[in-house]
Amino acid sequence: MIGWDGHLVYRVDIECDDDEAAEARAILLVDGHDIELRDGGRKIAEFKTAPCKTAH
């Protein structure tokens, strides 16, 4: 999980058969924080959290 300042704040290890399966599991973790999916040093995908909407 990526913090508001762009730095890693929490790491979750997942094991999947392929990149597509890993992406499907990682997207479930997007809950208020951006998620970066990596396989060692290889970046597979990045999932951005939806920006907060404020009422005016």
N, C-alpha and C. Protein backbone atom coordinates (compact mmCIF):
# COMPACT_ATOMS: atom_id res chain seq x y z
N MET A 1 0.84 -1.16 0.00
CA MET A 1 0.00 0.00 0.00
C MET A 1 0.89 1.23 0.00
N ILE A 2 0.46 2.21 -0.75
CA ILE A 2 1.23 3.44 -0.90
C ILE A 2 0.56 4.54 -0.08
N GLY A 3 1.33 5.24 0.74
CA GLY A 3 0.81 6.32 1.56
C GLY A 3 0.60 7.59 0.76
N TRP A 4 0.00 8.57 1.41
CA TRP A 4 -0.31 9.85 0.75
C TRP A 4 0.95 10.54 0.24
N ASP A 5 2.10 10.25 0.85
CA ASP A 5 3.35 10.89 0.43
C ASP A 5 4.07 10.10 -0.67
N GLY A 6 3.45 9.00 -1.14
CA GLY A 6 4.04 8.22 -2.22
C GLY A 6 4.98 7.12 -1.76
N HIS A 7 5.16 6.96 -0.46
CA HIS A 7 6.05 5.93 0.07
C HIS A 7 5.26 4.70 0.52
N LEU A 8 5.93 3.57 0.48
CA LEU A 8 5.34 2.32 0.92
C LEU A 8 4.99 2.40 2.41
N VAL A 9 3.75 2.04 2.77
CA VAL A 9 3.35 2.05 4.17
C VAL A 9 3.01 0.65 4.69
N TYR A 10 2.70 -0.26 3.78
CA TYR A 10 2.33 -1.60 4.19
C TYR A 10 2.52 -2.56 3.02
N ARG A 11 2.98 -3.73 3.31
CA ARG A 11 3.23 -4.73 2.26
C ARG A 11 2.40 -5.98 2.54
N VAL A 12 1.78 -6.49 1.50
CA VAL A 12 1.02 -7.73 1.58
C VAL A 12 1.58 -8.68 0.53
N ASP A 13 2.02 -9.85 0.95
CA ASP A 13 2.52 -10.85 0.01
C ASP A 13 1.36 -11.74 -0.43
N ILE A 14 1.22 -11.89 -1.74
CA ILE A 14 0.21 -12.79 -2.28
C ILE A 14 0.89 -13.73 -3.27
N GLU A 15 0.37 -14.94 -3.40
CA GLU A 15 0.90 -15.91 -4.36
C GLU A 15 -0.19 -16.25 -5.35
N CYS A 16 0.12 -16.11 -6.62
CA CYS A 16 -0.84 -16.40 -7.69
C CYS A 16 -0.11 -17.11 -8.83
N ASP A 17 -0.89 -17.77 -9.68
CA ASP A 17 -0.31 -18.51 -10.80
C ASP A 17 0.23 -17.61 -11.90
N ASP A 18 -0.38 -16.41 -12.08
CA ASP A 18 0.06 -15.52 -13.15
C ASP A 18 -0.28 -14.07 -12.81
N ASP A 19 0.18 -13.15 -13.65
CA ASP A 19 -0.03 -11.72 -13.41
C ASP A 19 -1.51 -11.35 -13.34
N GLU A 20 -2.33 -11.96 -14.20
CA GLU A 20 -3.75 -11.63 -14.24
C GLU A 20 -4.44 -12.01 -12.93
N ALA A 21 -4.11 -13.16 -12.40
CA ALA A 21 -4.69 -13.59 -11.13
C ALA A 21 -4.22 -12.68 -9.99
N ALA A 22 -2.95 -12.27 -10.04
CA ALA A 22 -2.43 -11.37 -9.01
C ALA A 22 -3.12 -10.01 -9.08
N GLU A 23 -3.37 -9.51 -10.29
CA GLU A 23 -4.07 -8.24 -10.44
C GLU A 23 -5.49 -8.33 -9.88
N ALA A 24 -6.17 -9.43 -10.14
CA ALA A 24 -7.53 -9.61 -9.63
C ALA A 24 -7.57 -9.61 -8.11
N ARG A 25 -6.56 -10.18 -7.48
CA ARG A 25 -6.52 -10.20 -6.00
C ARG A 25 -6.08 -8.86 -5.45
N ALA A 26 -5.11 -8.21 -6.11
CA ALA A 26 -4.59 -6.94 -5.60
C ALA A 26 -5.63 -5.83 -5.65
N ILE A 27 -6.47 -5.84 -6.66
CA ILE A 27 -7.46 -4.76 -6.79
C ILE A 27 -8.44 -4.79 -5.62
N LEU A 28 -8.61 -5.94 -5.00
CA LEU A 28 -9.48 -6.04 -3.83
C LEU A 28 -8.91 -5.30 -2.62
N LEU A 29 -7.62 -5.01 -2.65
CA LEU A 29 -6.96 -4.32 -1.52
C LEU A 29 -7.09 -2.79 -1.60
N VAL A 30 -7.57 -2.27 -2.72
CA VAL A 30 -7.67 -0.82 -2.89
C VAL A 30 -8.81 -0.33 -2.00
N ASP A 31 -8.44 0.29 -0.88
CA ASP A 31 -9.43 0.78 0.07
C ASP A 31 -8.84 1.99 0.80
N GLY A 32 -8.80 3.11 0.09
CA GLY A 32 -8.26 4.32 0.70
C GLY A 32 -6.78 4.54 0.46
N HIS A 33 -6.10 3.54 -0.08
CA HIS A 33 -4.68 3.66 -0.41
C HIS A 33 -4.45 3.13 -1.82
N ASP A 34 -3.49 3.71 -2.51
CA ASP A 34 -3.08 3.18 -3.81
C ASP A 34 -2.35 1.86 -3.58
N ILE A 35 -2.41 0.99 -4.57
CA ILE A 35 -1.76 -0.30 -4.49
C ILE A 35 -0.79 -0.44 -5.67
N GLU A 36 0.42 -0.89 -5.37
CA GLU A 36 1.39 -1.18 -6.42
C GLU A 36 1.67 -2.67 -6.37
N LEU A 37 1.46 -3.34 -7.48
CA LEU A 37 1.66 -4.79 -7.57
C LEU A 37 3.01 -5.05 -8.21
N ARG A 38 3.84 -5.82 -7.50
CA ARG A 38 5.19 -6.11 -7.98
C ARG A 38 5.48 -7.60 -7.89
N ASP A 39 6.35 -8.06 -8.76
CA ASP A 39 6.91 -9.40 -8.69
C ASP A 39 8.40 -9.20 -8.56
N GLY A 40 8.87 -9.19 -7.32
CA GLY A 40 10.27 -8.84 -7.07
C GLY A 40 10.51 -7.40 -7.49
N GLY A 41 11.45 -7.16 -8.38
CA GLY A 41 11.74 -5.81 -8.85
C GLY A 41 10.89 -5.37 -10.03
N ARG A 42 10.04 -6.26 -10.53
CA ARG A 42 9.23 -5.95 -11.71
C ARG A 42 7.87 -5.40 -11.30
N LYS A 43 7.56 -4.19 -11.75
CA LYS A 43 6.25 -3.60 -11.48
C LYS A 43 5.24 -4.17 -12.47
N ILE A 44 4.17 -4.75 -11.95
CA ILE A 44 3.14 -5.36 -12.79
C ILE A 44 2.02 -4.36 -13.06
N ALA A 45 1.54 -3.70 -12.00
CA ALA A 45 0.41 -2.78 -12.16
C ALA A 45 0.36 -1.84 -10.97
N GLU A 46 -0.39 -0.76 -11.14
CA GLU A 46 -0.65 0.18 -10.04
C GLU A 46 -2.14 0.50 -10.07
N PHE A 47 -2.75 0.44 -8.90
CA PHE A 47 -4.18 0.71 -8.77
C PHE A 47 -4.36 1.93 -7.89
N LYS A 48 -5.04 2.93 -8.41
CA LYS A 48 -5.25 4.19 -7.68
C LYS A 48 -6.61 4.15 -6.99
N THR A 49 -6.64 4.65 -5.77
CA THR A 49 -7.90 4.77 -5.06
C THR A 49 -8.68 5.95 -5.65
N ALA A 50 -9.97 5.87 -5.57
CA ALA A 50 -10.81 6.96 -6.08
C ALA A 50 -10.64 8.19 -5.18
N PRO A 51 -10.52 9.39 -5.77
CA PRO A 51 -10.39 10.58 -4.95
C PRO A 51 -11.66 10.82 -4.14
N CYS A 52 -11.49 11.39 -2.96
CA CYS A 52 -12.63 11.70 -2.11
C CYS A 52 -13.41 12.87 -2.70
N LYS A 53 -14.71 12.75 -2.66
CA LYS A 53 -15.57 13.84 -3.12
C LYS A 53 -16.13 14.56 -1.90
N THR A 54 -16.10 15.86 -1.93
CA THR A 54 -16.64 16.64 -0.84
C THR A 54 -17.89 17.36 -1.31
N ALA A 55 -18.84 17.46 -0.43
CA ALA A 55 -20.09 18.15 -0.77
C ALA A 55 -19.90 19.66 -0.63
N HIS A 56 -20.46 20.39 -1.56
CA HIS A 56 -20.39 21.85 -1.50
C HIS A 56 -21.75 22.42 -1.27
